[in-house]
Amino acid sequence: MKRHSNRHQLRLISEISLTPLLDLVLVLLFVFLLAAPLLKSTSVTAVAAAPVPQPAVTPPPAQTMTLLVNKDLSVTLNGAMLARADLPASLKQLAQQRPGLGIEVRMHHELPVQNLVETMRMLEAAGIQKTAVTTHAEEP
């Protein structure tokens, strides 16, 4: 009779060696422990001869108005319909009459960004600096 040996039989290895995984974890731990002090931001204290100027805080606008731009590019300023061509002159007149005026620009959410940019340029040209931008869907 022929003897059969287990040496030549193929078998499935169902175990995973954890040693290489643990080695990798330890190496990464040491790297991060060594790198952590280098990643901290170091602050250098220096004696300043002159005081550091504080940024100017702009006061809130004294009065706000709403500029509504609808999907068909019709413009409403505080409830009054305006022709888009008349908008720059109206804004300039408002800026001169009411310094510190704030304008909330409400653009229809389906309009391209280019329309917002053009509207903001009109506000800037009129001298209105305090603005807020929101989007809206169809108004009731």
N, C-alpha and C. Protein backbone atom coordinates (compact mmCIF):
# COMPACT_ATOMS: atom_id res chain seq x y z
N MET A 1 0.79 -1.17 0.00
CA MET A 1 0.00 0.00 0.00
C MET A 1 0.84 1.25 0.00
N LYS A 2 0.24 2.23 -0.65
CA LYS A 2 0.94 3.49 -0.76
C LYS A 2 0.56 4.40 0.39
N ARG A 3 1.56 5.04 0.93
CA ARG A 3 1.31 5.97 2.02
C ARG A 3 1.04 7.36 1.48
N HIS A 4 0.08 8.04 2.06
CA HIS A 4 -0.22 9.40 1.66
C HIS A 4 0.31 10.37 2.71
N SER A 5 0.96 11.38 2.23
CA SER A 5 1.53 12.37 3.13
C SER A 5 0.71 13.66 3.05
N ASN A 6 0.65 14.37 4.13
CA ASN A 6 -0.06 15.65 4.18
C ASN A 6 0.81 16.81 3.69
N ARG A 7 2.05 16.55 3.41
CA ARG A 7 2.95 17.60 2.99
C ARG A 7 2.58 18.18 1.63
N HIS A 8 2.11 17.39 0.75
CA HIS A 8 1.88 17.85 -0.62
C HIS A 8 0.45 18.28 -0.87
N GLN A 9 -0.38 18.24 0.10
CA GLN A 9 -1.76 18.65 -0.11
C GLN A 9 -1.88 20.17 0.03
N LEU A 10 -2.71 20.74 -0.84
CA LEU A 10 -2.96 22.16 -0.77
C LEU A 10 -4.07 22.40 0.25
N ARG A 11 -3.90 23.43 1.04
CA ARG A 11 -4.94 23.76 2.01
C ARG A 11 -5.11 25.27 2.05
N LEU A 12 -6.25 25.69 2.42
CA LEU A 12 -6.60 27.11 2.50
C LEU A 12 -6.13 27.68 3.83
N ILE A 13 -5.42 28.81 3.75
CA ILE A 13 -4.95 29.46 4.97
C ILE A 13 -6.04 30.43 5.40
N SER A 14 -6.60 30.20 6.52
CA SER A 14 -7.68 31.05 7.00
C SER A 14 -7.24 31.95 8.14
N GLU A 15 -5.98 32.08 8.38
CA GLU A 15 -5.48 32.92 9.44
C GLU A 15 -4.69 34.07 8.84
N ILE A 16 -4.76 35.21 9.49
CA ILE A 16 -3.98 36.36 9.07
C ILE A 16 -3.01 36.68 10.20
N SER A 17 -1.79 36.86 9.82
CA SER A 17 -0.78 37.17 10.82
C SER A 17 -0.91 38.63 11.22
N LEU A 18 -1.01 38.87 12.50
CA LEU A 18 -1.19 40.24 13.00
C LEU A 18 0.14 40.95 13.26
N THR A 19 1.23 40.24 13.18
CA THR A 19 2.53 40.83 13.48
C THR A 19 2.87 41.98 12.53
N PRO A 20 2.75 41.82 11.20
CA PRO A 20 3.06 42.97 10.33
C PRO A 20 2.12 44.16 10.55
N LEU A 21 0.86 43.87 10.86
CA LEU A 21 -0.09 44.93 11.12
C LEU A 21 0.29 45.71 12.38
N LEU A 22 0.67 44.99 13.42
CA LEU A 22 1.08 45.66 14.65
C LEU A 22 2.38 46.45 14.45
N ASP A 23 3.29 45.92 13.65
CA ASP A 23 4.52 46.66 13.34
C ASP A 23 4.21 47.98 12.65
N LEU A 24 3.29 47.93 11.70
CA LEU A 24 2.91 49.14 10.99
C LEU A 24 2.26 50.16 11.92
N VAL A 25 1.40 49.70 12.79
CA VAL A 25 0.73 50.60 13.74
C VAL A 25 1.75 51.25 14.67
N LEU A 26 2.69 50.50 15.15
CA LEU A 26 3.71 51.06 16.03
C LEU A 26 4.61 52.06 15.31
N VAL A 27 4.98 51.77 14.08
CA VAL A 27 5.81 52.70 13.32
C VAL A 27 5.05 54.01 13.08
N LEU A 28 3.77 53.91 12.71
CA LEU A 28 2.97 55.12 12.51
C LEU A 28 2.81 55.91 13.81
N LEU A 29 2.65 55.21 14.91
CA LEU A 29 2.52 55.87 16.20
C LEU A 29 3.79 56.66 16.52
N PHE A 30 4.94 56.06 16.31
CA PHE A 30 6.20 56.76 16.57
C PHE A 30 6.38 57.95 15.63
N VAL A 31 6.02 57.78 14.38
CA VAL A 31 6.15 58.90 13.43
C VAL A 31 5.28 60.07 13.86
N PHE A 32 4.02 59.80 14.23
CA PHE A 32 3.14 60.88 14.65
C PHE A 32 3.58 61.49 15.97
N LEU A 33 4.11 60.69 16.86
CA LEU A 33 4.61 61.24 18.12
C LEU A 33 5.80 62.16 17.89
N LEU A 34 6.66 61.80 16.94
CA LEU A 34 7.81 62.64 16.65
C LEU A 34 7.41 63.87 15.83
N ALA A 35 6.40 63.75 14.98
CA ALA A 35 6.02 64.85 14.11
C ALA A 35 5.09 65.85 14.80
N ALA A 36 4.40 65.45 15.84
CA ALA A 36 3.43 66.32 16.50
C ALA A 36 4.05 67.62 17.02
N PRO A 37 5.20 67.58 17.69
CA PRO A 37 5.78 68.86 18.14
C PRO A 37 6.20 69.76 16.98
N LEU A 38 6.53 69.17 15.85
CA LEU A 38 6.94 69.98 14.71
C LEU A 38 5.76 70.64 14.04
N LEU A 39 4.56 70.05 14.16
CA LEU A 39 3.37 70.60 13.52
C LEU A 39 2.73 71.72 14.33
N LYS A 40 3.06 71.82 15.60
CA LYS A 40 2.51 72.89 16.42
C LYS A 40 3.02 74.23 15.92
N SER A 41 2.13 75.22 15.88
CA SER A 41 2.56 76.54 15.44
C SER A 41 3.29 77.21 16.60
N THR A 42 4.46 77.67 16.31
CA THR A 42 5.24 78.34 17.35
C THR A 42 4.99 79.84 17.22
N SER A 43 4.67 80.44 18.31
CA SER A 43 4.43 81.88 18.29
C SER A 43 5.67 82.59 18.79
N VAL A 44 6.05 83.60 18.06
CA VAL A 44 7.21 84.38 18.41
C VAL A 44 6.71 85.69 19.02
N THR A 45 7.13 85.95 20.23
CA THR A 45 6.72 87.20 20.86
C THR A 45 7.80 88.23 20.62
N ALA A 46 7.39 89.34 20.10
CA ALA A 46 8.33 90.43 19.83
C ALA A 46 7.78 91.70 20.46
N VAL A 47 8.68 92.55 20.84
CA VAL A 47 8.27 93.81 21.43
C VAL A 47 8.01 94.78 20.28
N ALA A 48 6.78 95.28 20.22
CA ALA A 48 6.43 96.21 19.15
C ALA A 48 6.63 97.63 19.63
N ALA A 49 7.20 98.45 18.77
CA ALA A 49 7.43 99.83 19.12
C ALA A 49 6.14 100.63 19.05
N ALA A 50 5.29 100.31 18.10
CA ALA A 50 4.03 101.03 17.93
C ALA A 50 2.88 100.06 18.18
N PRO A 51 1.76 100.58 18.68
CA PRO A 51 0.63 99.68 18.90
C PRO A 51 0.08 99.16 17.57
N VAL A 52 -0.42 97.95 17.62
CA VAL A 52 -0.96 97.33 16.42
C VAL A 52 -2.36 97.90 16.18
N PRO A 53 -2.63 98.40 14.98
CA PRO A 53 -3.96 98.98 14.73
C PRO A 53 -5.02 97.88 14.68
N GLN A 54 -6.15 98.18 15.27
CA GLN A 54 -7.28 97.24 15.27
C GLN A 54 -8.08 97.46 13.99
N PRO A 55 -8.66 96.36 13.44
CA PRO A 55 -9.47 96.54 12.23
C PRO A 55 -10.71 97.38 12.53
N ALA A 56 -11.08 98.18 11.55
CA ALA A 56 -12.25 99.05 11.72
C ALA A 56 -13.52 98.21 11.69
N VAL A 57 -14.40 98.48 12.61
CA VAL A 57 -15.68 97.79 12.67
C VAL A 57 -16.71 98.71 12.03
N THR A 58 -17.34 98.20 10.96
CA THR A 58 -18.33 99.03 10.29
C THR A 58 -19.66 98.92 11.03
N PRO A 59 -20.28 100.04 11.27
CA PRO A 59 -21.56 100.00 11.97
C PRO A 59 -22.64 99.42 11.06
N PRO A 60 -23.70 98.88 11.65
CA PRO A 60 -24.78 98.35 10.82
C PRO A 60 -25.47 99.49 10.07
N PRO A 61 -26.10 99.18 8.94
CA PRO A 61 -26.74 100.24 8.18
C PRO A 61 -27.88 100.88 8.96
N ALA A 62 -28.04 102.18 8.76
CA ALA A 62 -29.10 102.91 9.44
C ALA A 62 -30.46 102.51 8.89
N GLN A 63 -30.51 102.23 7.60
CA GLN A 63 -31.76 101.85 6.97
C GLN A 63 -31.45 100.79 5.91
N THR A 64 -32.35 99.83 5.74
CA THR A 64 -32.16 98.80 4.72
C THR A 64 -33.33 98.80 3.75
N MET A 65 -33.01 98.45 2.52
CA MET A 65 -34.02 98.32 1.47
C MET A 65 -33.80 96.97 0.79
N THR A 66 -34.84 96.46 0.15
CA THR A 66 -34.76 95.17 -0.52
C THR A 66 -34.82 95.38 -2.02
N LEU A 67 -33.84 94.83 -2.71
CA LEU A 67 -33.81 94.85 -4.17
C LEU A 67 -34.10 93.43 -4.64
N LEU A 68 -35.27 93.23 -5.22
CA LEU A 68 -35.74 91.90 -5.62
C LEU A 68 -35.56 91.74 -7.12
N VAL A 69 -34.78 90.73 -7.53
CA VAL A 69 -34.58 90.44 -8.96
C VAL A 69 -35.27 89.12 -9.24
N ASN A 70 -36.33 89.18 -10.06
CA ASN A 70 -37.13 88.00 -10.36
C ASN A 70 -36.53 87.20 -11.51
N LYS A 71 -37.15 86.05 -11.79
CA LYS A 71 -36.66 85.13 -12.81
C LYS A 71 -36.65 85.78 -14.19
N ASP A 72 -37.63 86.66 -14.47
CA ASP A 72 -37.69 87.32 -15.78
C ASP A 72 -36.86 88.61 -15.81
N LEU A 73 -35.97 88.79 -14.81
CA LEU A 73 -35.07 89.93 -14.65
C LEU A 73 -35.80 91.24 -14.38
N SER A 74 -37.06 91.16 -13.98
CA SER A 74 -37.74 92.37 -13.52
C SER A 74 -37.21 92.73 -12.14
N VAL A 75 -37.14 94.03 -11.86
CA VAL A 75 -36.51 94.52 -10.64
C VAL A 75 -37.53 95.27 -9.81
N THR A 76 -37.54 94.98 -8.51
CA THR A 76 -38.40 95.66 -7.56
C THR A 76 -37.53 96.20 -6.44
N LEU A 77 -37.62 97.50 -6.18
CA LEU A 77 -36.86 98.13 -5.11
C LEU A 77 -37.84 98.57 -4.04
N ASN A 78 -37.83 97.87 -2.92
CA ASN A 78 -38.75 98.13 -1.80
C ASN A 78 -40.21 98.13 -2.24
N GLY A 79 -40.56 97.18 -3.09
CA GLY A 79 -41.95 97.04 -3.53
C GLY A 79 -42.30 97.83 -4.76
N ALA A 80 -41.46 98.74 -5.23
CA ALA A 80 -41.75 99.55 -6.41
C ALA A 80 -41.04 98.96 -7.62
N MET A 81 -41.80 98.68 -8.68
CA MET A 81 -41.21 98.13 -9.91
C MET A 81 -40.35 99.19 -10.60
N LEU A 82 -39.19 98.76 -11.08
CA LEU A 82 -38.28 99.65 -11.80
C LEU A 82 -37.87 98.99 -13.10
N ALA A 83 -37.57 99.80 -14.10
CA ALA A 83 -36.95 99.27 -15.31
C ALA A 83 -35.48 99.00 -14.99
N ARG A 84 -34.95 97.89 -15.51
CA ARG A 84 -33.57 97.54 -15.20
C ARG A 84 -32.60 98.62 -15.68
N ALA A 85 -32.95 99.32 -16.75
CA ALA A 85 -32.09 100.38 -17.26
C ALA A 85 -32.06 101.59 -16.31
N ASP A 86 -33.13 101.79 -15.55
CA ASP A 86 -33.20 102.92 -14.62
C ASP A 86 -32.59 102.61 -13.26
N LEU A 87 -32.23 101.36 -13.05
CA LEU A 87 -31.73 100.95 -11.74
C LEU A 87 -30.45 101.67 -11.31
N PRO A 88 -29.41 101.82 -12.16
CA PRO A 88 -28.19 102.51 -11.69
C PRO A 88 -28.46 103.94 -11.24
N ALA A 89 -29.27 104.68 -11.98
CA ALA A 89 -29.56 106.07 -11.59
C ALA A 89 -30.35 106.12 -10.29
N SER A 90 -31.30 105.20 -10.12
CA SER A 90 -32.10 105.17 -8.88
C SER A 90 -31.23 104.83 -7.68
N LEU A 91 -30.32 103.87 -7.87
CA LEU A 91 -29.43 103.49 -6.76
C LEU A 91 -28.49 104.64 -6.39
N LYS A 92 -27.97 105.33 -7.39
CA LYS A 92 -27.06 106.45 -7.12
C LYS A 92 -27.80 107.55 -6.36
N GLN A 93 -29.03 107.82 -6.76
CA GLN A 93 -29.84 108.84 -6.09
C GLN A 93 -30.13 108.45 -4.64
N LEU A 94 -30.45 107.17 -4.42
CA LEU A 94 -30.70 106.68 -3.05
C LEU A 94 -29.44 106.79 -2.19
N ALA A 95 -28.29 106.45 -2.77
CA ALA A 95 -27.03 106.51 -2.01
C ALA A 95 -26.70 107.94 -1.60
N GLN A 96 -27.03 108.91 -2.45
CA GLN A 96 -26.75 110.31 -2.12
C GLN A 96 -27.74 110.83 -1.07
N GLN A 97 -28.99 110.40 -1.16
CA GLN A 97 -30.00 110.87 -0.22
C GLN A 97 -29.83 110.24 1.17
N ARG A 98 -29.46 108.97 1.20
CA ARG A 98 -29.37 108.24 2.47
C ARG A 98 -27.99 107.60 2.61
N PRO A 99 -27.03 108.33 3.12
CA PRO A 99 -25.71 107.72 3.33
C PRO A 99 -25.80 106.61 4.38
N GLY A 100 -25.06 105.55 4.17
CA GLY A 100 -25.09 104.42 5.09
C GLY A 100 -26.24 103.47 4.82
N LEU A 101 -26.87 103.60 3.65
CA LEU A 101 -28.00 102.74 3.28
C LEU A 101 -27.51 101.32 3.02
N GLY A 102 -28.25 100.34 3.50
CA GLY A 102 -27.95 98.94 3.25
C GLY A 102 -28.98 98.36 2.29
N ILE A 103 -28.52 97.55 1.35
CA ILE A 103 -29.41 96.94 0.36
C ILE A 103 -29.32 95.42 0.49
N GLU A 104 -30.49 94.78 0.63
CA GLU A 104 -30.56 93.32 0.59
C GLU A 104 -30.94 92.93 -0.83
N VAL A 105 -30.05 92.25 -1.52
CA VAL A 105 -30.29 91.81 -2.89
C VAL A 105 -30.87 90.40 -2.82
N ARG A 106 -32.10 90.25 -3.31
CA ARG A 106 -32.76 88.94 -3.34
C ARG A 106 -32.87 88.49 -4.78
N MET A 107 -32.00 87.57 -5.18
CA MET A 107 -31.96 87.05 -6.55
C MET A 107 -32.79 85.77 -6.63
N HIS A 108 -33.44 85.57 -7.77
CA HIS A 108 -34.17 84.32 -7.99
C HIS A 108 -33.14 83.20 -8.08
N HIS A 109 -33.45 82.07 -7.49
CA HIS A 109 -32.46 81.00 -7.37
C HIS A 109 -32.09 80.35 -8.70
N GLU A 110 -32.85 80.57 -9.76
CA GLU A 110 -32.52 79.97 -11.05
C GLU A 110 -31.72 80.91 -11.95
N LEU A 111 -31.49 82.13 -11.53
CA LEU A 111 -30.72 83.08 -12.35
C LEU A 111 -29.23 82.74 -12.29
N PRO A 112 -28.52 82.98 -13.39
CA PRO A 112 -27.07 82.72 -13.36
C PRO A 112 -26.35 83.73 -12.47
N VAL A 113 -25.18 83.35 -12.03
CA VAL A 113 -24.39 84.18 -11.12
C VAL A 113 -23.99 85.50 -11.80
N GLN A 114 -23.87 85.48 -13.11
CA GLN A 114 -23.48 86.70 -13.83
C GLN A 114 -24.46 87.84 -13.56
N ASN A 115 -25.75 87.53 -13.42
CA ASN A 115 -26.73 88.57 -13.11
C ASN A 115 -26.48 89.16 -11.73
N LEU A 116 -26.10 88.33 -10.79
CA LEU A 116 -25.76 88.83 -9.45
C LEU A 116 -24.53 89.72 -9.51
N VAL A 117 -23.54 89.31 -10.29
CA VAL A 117 -22.32 90.11 -10.41
C VAL A 117 -22.64 91.48 -11.01
N GLU A 118 -23.48 91.52 -12.04
CA GLU A 118 -23.85 92.79 -12.65
C GLU A 118 -24.60 93.68 -11.66
N THR A 119 -25.49 93.08 -10.89
CA THR A 119 -26.24 93.85 -9.89
C THR A 119 -25.31 94.40 -8.82
N MET A 120 -24.36 93.60 -8.37
CA MET A 120 -23.42 94.06 -7.35
C MET A 120 -22.52 95.17 -7.91
N ARG A 121 -22.18 95.10 -9.18
CA ARG A 121 -21.39 96.18 -9.79
C ARG A 121 -22.20 97.48 -9.84
N MET A 122 -23.50 97.36 -10.10
CA MET A 122 -24.36 98.56 -10.09
C MET A 122 -24.37 99.19 -8.69
N LEU A 123 -24.47 98.35 -7.67
CA LEU A 123 -24.48 98.85 -6.30
C LEU A 123 -23.16 99.52 -5.95
N GLU A 124 -22.07 98.91 -6.39
CA GLU A 124 -20.75 99.47 -6.11
C GLU A 124 -20.57 100.80 -6.83
N ALA A 125 -21.02 100.87 -8.07
CA ALA A 125 -20.90 102.12 -8.84
C ALA A 125 -21.75 103.23 -8.22
N ALA A 126 -22.87 102.84 -7.60
CA ALA A 126 -23.73 103.84 -6.96
C ALA A 126 -23.16 104.30 -5.62
N GLY A 127 -22.19 103.58 -5.08
CA GLY A 127 -21.59 103.97 -3.80
C GLY A 127 -22.22 103.28 -2.61
N ILE A 128 -22.99 102.23 -2.84
CA ILE A 128 -23.61 101.48 -1.75
C ILE A 128 -22.68 100.33 -1.40
N GLN A 129 -22.20 100.33 -0.16
CA GLN A 129 -21.21 99.34 0.25
C GLN A 129 -21.77 98.29 1.19
N LYS A 130 -22.87 98.58 1.84
CA LYS A 130 -23.45 97.64 2.80
C LYS A 130 -24.52 96.84 2.08
N THR A 131 -24.18 95.58 1.77
CA THR A 131 -25.10 94.73 1.01
C THR A 131 -25.21 93.36 1.66
N ALA A 132 -26.31 92.71 1.36
CA ALA A 132 -26.51 91.32 1.75
C ALA A 132 -27.16 90.62 0.55
N VAL A 133 -26.82 89.38 0.32
CA VAL A 133 -27.33 88.65 -0.82
C VAL A 133 -28.06 87.41 -0.33
N THR A 134 -29.28 87.23 -0.82
CA THR A 134 -30.06 86.02 -0.54
C THR A 134 -30.69 85.55 -1.85
N THR A 135 -31.15 84.32 -1.85
CA THR A 135 -31.85 83.80 -3.02
C THR A 135 -33.30 83.54 -2.63
N HIS A 136 -34.16 83.49 -3.62
CA HIS A 136 -35.57 83.26 -3.34
C HIS A 136 -36.19 82.46 -4.48
N ALA A 137 -37.29 81.82 -4.20
CA ALA A 137 -38.08 81.17 -5.23
C ALA A 137 -39.18 82.16 -5.64
N GLU A 138 -40.20 81.68 -6.28
CA GLU A 138 -41.28 82.57 -6.69
C GLU A 138 -41.93 83.22 -5.48
N GLU A 139 -42.14 84.51 -5.57
CA GLU A 139 -42.79 85.26 -4.50
C GLU A 139 -44.31 85.14 -4.64
N PRO A 140 -45.05 85.09 -3.52
CA PRO A 140 -46.51 84.99 -3.62
C PRO A 140 -47.12 86.30 -4.08
